[in-house]
Each structure stands twice: as structure tokens, then as C-alpha cells.
Amino acid sequence: MSFADDEEILQDFLVEAGEILEQLSEQLVDLEQRPDDKDLLNAIFRGFHTVKGGAGFLQLNPMVECCHVTENLFDILRNGQRTVTSELMDVVLQALDAVNSQFEAVQQRQEPECGS
């Protein structure tokens, strides 16, 4: 993506995604205390889904891929096909760290990298 071509859209994405990523951090901490909370699982799913959509619109493909995988995991969790474990939370927190690193790259007008 050319950041200069879509500066206004990029700014909107940075504001919205920044707020969602902050919420996700808090929600994941809450999830460790309430692993069966369906509303919380749905909210986390929606957060990753929304960031993925904005990243996709801006063609930030590494961020889309990371959010997509995490979104799919939360779809499985919210549908009761798997339960939240401490090991799973470690992986989810690593995924959020990767998305946050990619987000920081975009803030600096750099292309996000896979597995950042």
C-alpha cells in the first residue's frame, strides 16, 4: 500500500484499530479470569474481525493474516468447540503482540511484516 495515497483512511484506521487493540489487551486479561464468558469471547472475536477488515481495506496483508487466524480461533472458542487454557492464552497473547508490532510499523508508515 502507498501510505501517502490513503492518508485520511489510514488515520481513521490508526485511531479505530488503536482503540480496539487496547480493548483487546484488557479483554484478554479478563478472559483469563472468566474463560467461559461467551459475551467476552464474542467481543474479542469482533475486535480481531474489525481490525482485520480495516487492515484488509488498506491491503496490510500480514496484519490481515494474523488477525484472521486469531479470529478463527475465537470463533472456535465462542462456539464451544475448544476451551480456553493457559497454553492457548500464551499463543493468543503472542498473536496480539504480533498485531501490535505490525500496528506500530504502520504508525511509522512502514509495511507490517509477517510474524512481527
N, C-alpha and C. Protein backbone atom coordinates (compact mmCIF):
# COMPACT_ATOMS: atom_id res chain seq x y z
N MET A 1 0.84 -1.19 0.00
CA MET A 1 0.00 0.00 0.00
C MET A 1 0.87 1.23 0.00
N SER A 2 0.41 2.25 -0.64
CA SER A 2 1.08 3.54 -0.60
C SER A 2 0.42 4.38 0.48
N PHE A 3 1.16 4.63 1.56
CA PHE A 3 0.56 5.35 2.68
C PHE A 3 0.13 6.76 2.29
N ALA A 4 0.85 7.40 1.40
CA ALA A 4 0.52 8.77 1.02
C ALA A 4 -0.81 8.85 0.28
N ASP A 5 -1.15 7.82 -0.48
CA ASP A 5 -2.38 7.84 -1.27
C ASP A 5 -3.64 7.81 -0.41
N ASP A 6 -3.57 7.18 0.73
CA ASP A 6 -4.75 6.97 1.56
C ASP A 6 -4.56 7.50 2.98
N GLU A 7 -3.96 8.65 3.13
CA GLU A 7 -3.61 9.16 4.46
C GLU A 7 -4.84 9.33 5.36
N GLU A 8 -5.92 9.86 4.82
CA GLU A 8 -7.10 10.08 5.65
C GLU A 8 -7.70 8.74 6.12
N ILE A 9 -7.78 7.79 5.21
CA ILE A 9 -8.28 6.45 5.56
C ILE A 9 -7.34 5.80 6.56
N LEU A 10 -6.05 5.96 6.34
CA LEU A 10 -5.06 5.38 7.25
C LEU A 10 -5.21 5.98 8.65
N GLN A 11 -5.41 7.29 8.73
CA GLN A 11 -5.58 7.94 10.04
C GLN A 11 -6.80 7.39 10.77
N ASP A 12 -7.89 7.22 10.03
CA ASP A 12 -9.09 6.64 10.63
C ASP A 12 -8.82 5.23 11.16
N PHE A 13 -8.12 4.45 10.36
CA PHE A 13 -7.77 3.09 10.76
C PHE A 13 -6.89 3.10 12.01
N LEU A 14 -5.90 3.98 12.05
CA LEU A 14 -4.99 4.03 13.19
C LEU A 14 -5.73 4.37 14.48
N VAL A 15 -6.68 5.28 14.40
CA VAL A 15 -7.45 5.65 15.59
C VAL A 15 -8.32 4.47 16.03
N GLU A 16 -9.10 3.92 15.10
CA GLU A 16 -10.03 2.85 15.45
C GLU A 16 -9.29 1.58 15.89
N ALA A 17 -8.31 1.18 15.11
CA ALA A 17 -7.57 -0.05 15.45
C ALA A 17 -6.79 0.12 16.74
N GLY A 18 -6.24 1.30 16.97
CA GLY A 18 -5.52 1.55 18.22
C GLY A 18 -6.41 1.36 19.43
N GLU A 19 -7.63 1.89 19.34
CA GLU A 19 -8.59 1.73 20.45
C GLU A 19 -8.97 0.26 20.63
N ILE A 20 -9.20 -0.43 19.53
CA ILE A 20 -9.60 -1.84 19.61
C ILE A 20 -8.46 -2.68 20.18
N LEU A 21 -7.24 -2.43 19.77
CA LEU A 21 -6.11 -3.21 20.28
C LEU A 21 -5.93 -2.99 21.78
N GLU A 22 -6.15 -1.77 22.25
CA GLU A 22 -6.11 -1.52 23.70
C GLU A 22 -7.20 -2.31 24.41
N GLN A 23 -8.40 -2.30 23.85
CA GLN A 23 -9.51 -3.06 24.43
C GLN A 23 -9.19 -4.55 24.45
N LEU A 24 -8.63 -5.05 23.36
CA LEU A 24 -8.30 -6.47 23.28
C LEU A 24 -7.33 -6.87 24.39
N SER A 25 -6.35 -6.03 24.66
CA SER A 25 -5.40 -6.33 25.74
C SER A 25 -6.14 -6.50 27.07
N GLU A 26 -7.04 -5.58 27.35
CA GLU A 26 -7.81 -5.65 28.59
C GLU A 26 -8.74 -6.86 28.60
N GLN A 27 -9.38 -7.10 27.47
CA GLN A 27 -10.32 -8.22 27.39
C GLN A 27 -9.61 -9.56 27.55
N LEU A 28 -8.39 -9.67 27.04
CA LEU A 28 -7.66 -10.94 27.18
C LEU A 28 -7.27 -11.18 28.64
N VAL A 29 -6.95 -10.12 29.36
CA VAL A 29 -6.68 -10.26 30.79
C VAL A 29 -7.96 -10.74 31.50
N ASP A 30 -9.09 -10.13 31.14
CA ASP A 30 -10.38 -10.55 31.73
C ASP A 30 -10.69 -12.00 31.38
N LEU A 31 -10.36 -12.41 30.17
CA LEU A 31 -10.66 -13.77 29.72
C LEU A 31 -9.93 -14.81 30.57
N GLU A 32 -8.74 -14.48 31.03
CA GLU A 32 -8.01 -15.42 31.88
C GLU A 32 -8.78 -15.69 33.18
N GLN A 33 -9.54 -14.70 33.65
CA GLN A 33 -10.34 -14.85 34.86
C GLN A 33 -11.72 -15.45 34.58
N ARG A 34 -12.22 -15.21 33.36
CA ARG A 34 -13.57 -15.67 33.00
C ARG A 34 -13.54 -16.40 31.66
N PRO A 35 -12.88 -17.56 31.60
CA PRO A 35 -12.68 -18.24 30.32
C PRO A 35 -13.95 -18.76 29.64
N ASP A 36 -15.05 -18.82 30.37
CA ASP A 36 -16.31 -19.32 29.79
C ASP A 36 -17.30 -18.21 29.45
N ASP A 37 -16.85 -16.96 29.55
CA ASP A 37 -17.73 -15.82 29.30
C ASP A 37 -17.97 -15.65 27.80
N LYS A 38 -19.15 -16.07 27.34
CA LYS A 38 -19.48 -16.05 25.91
C LYS A 38 -19.50 -14.62 25.35
N ASP A 39 -20.01 -13.67 26.14
CA ASP A 39 -20.03 -12.29 25.67
C ASP A 39 -18.61 -11.76 25.45
N LEU A 40 -17.72 -12.12 26.35
CA LEU A 40 -16.33 -11.69 26.23
C LEU A 40 -15.66 -12.35 25.04
N LEU A 41 -15.92 -13.64 24.83
CA LEU A 41 -15.37 -14.34 23.66
C LEU A 41 -15.87 -13.69 22.37
N ASN A 42 -17.16 -13.34 22.35
CA ASN A 42 -17.72 -12.67 21.17
C ASN A 42 -17.09 -11.30 20.95
N ALA A 43 -16.87 -10.56 22.01
CA ALA A 43 -16.28 -9.22 21.90
C ALA A 43 -14.84 -9.31 21.36
N ILE A 44 -14.09 -10.28 21.84
CA ILE A 44 -12.71 -10.45 21.35
C ILE A 44 -12.72 -10.86 19.88
N PHE A 45 -13.61 -11.78 19.52
CA PHE A 45 -13.77 -12.17 18.12
C PHE A 45 -14.03 -10.94 17.25
N ARG A 46 -15.00 -10.12 17.68
CA ARG A 46 -15.36 -8.91 16.90
C ARG A 46 -14.19 -7.94 16.79
N GLY A 47 -13.40 -7.82 17.87
CA GLY A 47 -12.26 -6.92 17.83
C GLY A 47 -11.25 -7.33 16.76
N PHE A 48 -10.88 -8.60 16.77
CA PHE A 48 -9.94 -9.07 15.74
C PHE A 48 -10.56 -8.97 14.35
N HIS A 49 -11.85 -9.25 14.25
CA HIS A 49 -12.55 -9.16 12.96
C HIS A 49 -12.53 -7.74 12.41
N THR A 50 -12.77 -6.77 13.28
CA THR A 50 -12.81 -5.37 12.84
C THR A 50 -11.43 -4.88 12.42
N VAL A 51 -10.40 -5.22 13.19
CA VAL A 51 -9.04 -4.82 12.81
C VAL A 51 -8.67 -5.48 11.49
N LYS A 52 -9.04 -6.75 11.33
CA LYS A 52 -8.76 -7.47 10.08
C LYS A 52 -9.41 -6.76 8.89
N GLY A 53 -10.66 -6.33 9.06
CA GLY A 53 -11.36 -5.66 7.97
C GLY A 53 -10.69 -4.36 7.55
N GLY A 54 -10.31 -3.55 8.54
CA GLY A 54 -9.63 -2.30 8.22
C GLY A 54 -8.28 -2.54 7.58
N ALA A 55 -7.55 -3.52 8.10
CA ALA A 55 -6.24 -3.84 7.53
C ALA A 55 -6.39 -4.37 6.10
N GLY A 56 -7.45 -5.13 5.87
CA GLY A 56 -7.69 -5.65 4.53
C GLY A 56 -7.99 -4.55 3.55
N PHE A 57 -8.79 -3.58 3.98
CA PHE A 57 -9.12 -2.45 3.12
C PHE A 57 -7.86 -1.69 2.71
N LEU A 58 -6.89 -1.62 3.63
CA LEU A 58 -5.63 -0.92 3.35
C LEU A 58 -4.55 -1.85 2.77
N GLN A 59 -4.92 -3.09 2.52
CA GLN A 59 -4.02 -4.10 1.94
C GLN A 59 -2.79 -4.35 2.82
N LEU A 60 -3.02 -4.38 4.13
CA LEU A 60 -1.95 -4.70 5.09
C LEU A 60 -2.02 -6.20 5.35
N ASN A 61 -1.61 -6.97 4.35
CA ASN A 61 -1.85 -8.41 4.33
C ASN A 61 -1.27 -9.19 5.51
N PRO A 62 -0.06 -8.88 5.99
CA PRO A 62 0.42 -9.63 7.16
C PRO A 62 -0.47 -9.44 8.39
N MET A 63 -1.00 -8.23 8.57
CA MET A 63 -1.89 -7.97 9.69
C MET A 63 -3.21 -8.70 9.48
N VAL A 64 -3.69 -8.71 8.25
CA VAL A 64 -4.93 -9.43 7.93
C VAL A 64 -4.76 -10.91 8.29
N GLU A 65 -3.64 -11.50 7.88
CA GLU A 65 -3.41 -12.92 8.11
C GLU A 65 -3.39 -13.25 9.61
N CYS A 66 -2.67 -12.46 10.38
CA CYS A 66 -2.56 -12.71 11.81
C CYS A 66 -3.93 -12.55 12.50
N CYS A 67 -4.65 -11.50 12.15
CA CYS A 67 -5.97 -11.29 12.72
C CYS A 67 -6.93 -12.41 12.31
N HIS A 68 -6.82 -12.86 11.07
CA HIS A 68 -7.71 -13.90 10.56
C HIS A 68 -7.53 -15.20 11.35
N VAL A 69 -6.30 -15.60 11.56
CA VAL A 69 -6.03 -16.83 12.31
C VAL A 69 -6.57 -16.71 13.73
N THR A 70 -6.34 -15.57 14.35
CA THR A 70 -6.80 -15.36 15.73
C THR A 70 -8.32 -15.28 15.78
N GLU A 71 -8.91 -14.61 14.82
CA GLU A 71 -10.36 -14.53 14.73
C GLU A 71 -10.96 -15.94 14.60
N ASN A 72 -10.37 -16.78 13.76
CA ASN A 72 -10.86 -18.15 13.60
C ASN A 72 -10.79 -18.92 14.92
N LEU A 73 -9.71 -18.73 15.65
CA LEU A 73 -9.57 -19.40 16.95
C LEU A 73 -10.71 -18.97 17.89
N PHE A 74 -11.00 -17.67 17.92
CA PHE A 74 -12.06 -17.20 18.80
C PHE A 74 -13.45 -17.63 18.32
N ASP A 75 -13.61 -17.87 17.04
CA ASP A 75 -14.85 -18.44 16.55
C ASP A 75 -15.03 -19.86 17.11
N ILE A 76 -13.96 -20.63 17.11
CA ILE A 76 -13.99 -21.99 17.67
C ILE A 76 -14.29 -21.94 19.17
N LEU A 77 -13.65 -21.00 19.87
CA LEU A 77 -13.86 -20.88 21.31
C LEU A 77 -15.29 -20.46 21.65
N ARG A 78 -15.80 -19.49 20.93
CA ARG A 78 -17.14 -18.99 21.25
C ARG A 78 -18.23 -19.98 20.89
N ASN A 79 -17.91 -20.90 19.98
CA ASN A 79 -18.87 -21.94 19.62
C ASN A 79 -18.71 -23.20 20.47
N GLY A 80 -17.83 -23.14 21.47
CA GLY A 80 -17.69 -24.24 22.41
C GLY A 80 -16.95 -25.46 21.89
N GLN A 81 -16.25 -25.32 20.76
CA GLN A 81 -15.52 -26.44 20.18
C GLN A 81 -14.17 -26.66 20.85
N ARG A 82 -13.75 -25.68 21.62
CA ARG A 82 -12.49 -25.74 22.35
C ARG A 82 -12.62 -24.85 23.58
N THR A 83 -11.84 -25.12 24.60
CA THR A 83 -11.90 -24.30 25.81
C THR A 83 -10.61 -23.50 25.97
N VAL A 84 -10.71 -22.43 26.70
CA VAL A 84 -9.56 -21.58 26.96
C VAL A 84 -8.66 -22.26 27.99
N THR A 85 -7.38 -22.38 27.66
CA THR A 85 -6.38 -22.92 28.59
C THR A 85 -5.26 -21.91 28.72
N SER A 86 -4.41 -22.09 29.70
CA SER A 86 -3.29 -21.15 29.88
C SER A 86 -2.34 -21.23 28.68
N GLU A 87 -2.16 -22.42 28.13
CA GLU A 87 -1.29 -22.57 26.96
C GLU A 87 -1.87 -21.83 25.76
N LEU A 88 -3.17 -21.94 25.59
CA LEU A 88 -3.83 -21.25 24.49
C LEU A 88 -3.74 -19.74 24.67
N MET A 89 -3.90 -19.27 25.91
CA MET A 89 -3.78 -17.84 26.18
C MET A 89 -2.39 -17.33 25.84
N ASP A 90 -1.36 -18.14 26.11
CA ASP A 90 0.01 -17.73 25.75
C ASP A 90 0.11 -17.48 24.24
N VAL A 91 -0.50 -18.37 23.45
CA VAL A 91 -0.46 -18.23 21.99
C VAL A 91 -1.25 -17.00 21.55
N VAL A 92 -2.42 -16.79 22.16
CA VAL A 92 -3.24 -15.64 21.81
C VAL A 92 -2.52 -14.33 22.14
N LEU A 93 -1.87 -14.29 23.29
CA LEU A 93 -1.12 -13.09 23.66
C LEU A 93 0.05 -12.84 22.71
N GLN A 94 0.68 -13.91 22.23
CA GLN A 94 1.74 -13.76 21.23
C GLN A 94 1.17 -13.20 19.93
N ALA A 95 -0.02 -13.67 19.55
CA ALA A 95 -0.67 -13.16 18.34
C ALA A 95 -0.99 -11.68 18.49
N LEU A 96 -1.51 -11.30 19.67
CA LEU A 96 -1.80 -9.88 19.89
C LEU A 96 -0.51 -9.06 19.86
N ASP A 97 0.56 -9.58 20.43
CA ASP A 97 1.85 -8.88 20.36
C ASP A 97 2.28 -8.68 18.91
N ALA A 98 2.08 -9.70 18.08
CA ALA A 98 2.44 -9.59 16.66
C ALA A 98 1.61 -8.52 15.98
N VAL A 99 0.31 -8.51 16.24
CA VAL A 99 -0.56 -7.48 15.63
C VAL A 99 -0.17 -6.10 16.13
N ASN A 100 0.14 -5.97 17.41
CA ASN A 100 0.58 -4.68 17.94
C ASN A 100 1.88 -4.22 17.29
N SER A 101 2.81 -5.13 17.05
CA SER A 101 4.06 -4.78 16.36
C SER A 101 3.79 -4.34 14.93
N GLN A 102 2.88 -5.04 14.28
CA GLN A 102 2.51 -4.66 12.91
C GLN A 102 1.83 -3.29 12.91
N PHE A 103 0.99 -3.05 13.90
CA PHE A 103 0.31 -1.76 14.03
C PHE A 103 1.32 -0.64 14.22
N GLU A 104 2.31 -0.88 15.06
CA GLU A 104 3.36 0.13 15.28
C GLU A 104 4.13 0.41 13.99
N ALA A 105 4.38 -0.62 13.19
CA ALA A 105 5.05 -0.41 11.90
C ALA A 105 4.20 0.49 11.00
N VAL A 106 2.91 0.24 10.96
CA VAL A 106 2.02 1.05 10.13
C VAL A 106 1.99 2.49 10.64
N GLN A 107 2.00 2.69 11.96
CA GLN A 107 2.06 4.04 12.52
C GLN A 107 3.30 4.78 12.02
N GLN A 108 4.38 4.05 11.81
CA GLN A 108 5.63 4.64 11.33
C GLN A 108 5.70 4.69 9.80
N ARG A 109 4.56 4.34 9.18
CA ARG A 109 4.43 4.31 7.71
C ARG A 109 5.38 3.28 7.09
N GLN A 110 5.54 2.18 7.79
CA GLN A 110 6.31 1.05 7.28
C GLN A 110 5.36 -0.10 7.02
N GLU A 111 5.71 -0.94 6.08
CA GLU A 111 4.90 -2.12 5.80
C GLU A 111 5.02 -3.09 6.98
N PRO A 112 3.89 -3.62 7.45
CA PRO A 112 3.96 -4.61 8.52
C PRO A 112 4.55 -5.92 7.99
N GLU A 113 5.24 -6.62 8.85
CA GLU A 113 5.86 -7.87 8.45
C GLU A 113 5.11 -9.04 9.08
N CYS A 114 5.16 -10.16 8.40
CA CYS A 114 4.55 -11.39 8.95
C CYS A 114 5.33 -11.80 10.19
N GLY A 115 4.61 -12.15 11.25
CA GLY A 115 5.27 -12.63 12.45
C GLY A 115 6.06 -11.58 13.18
N SER A 116 5.71 -10.31 12.99
CA SER A 116 6.43 -9.22 13.66
C SER A 116 6.39 -9.37 15.15
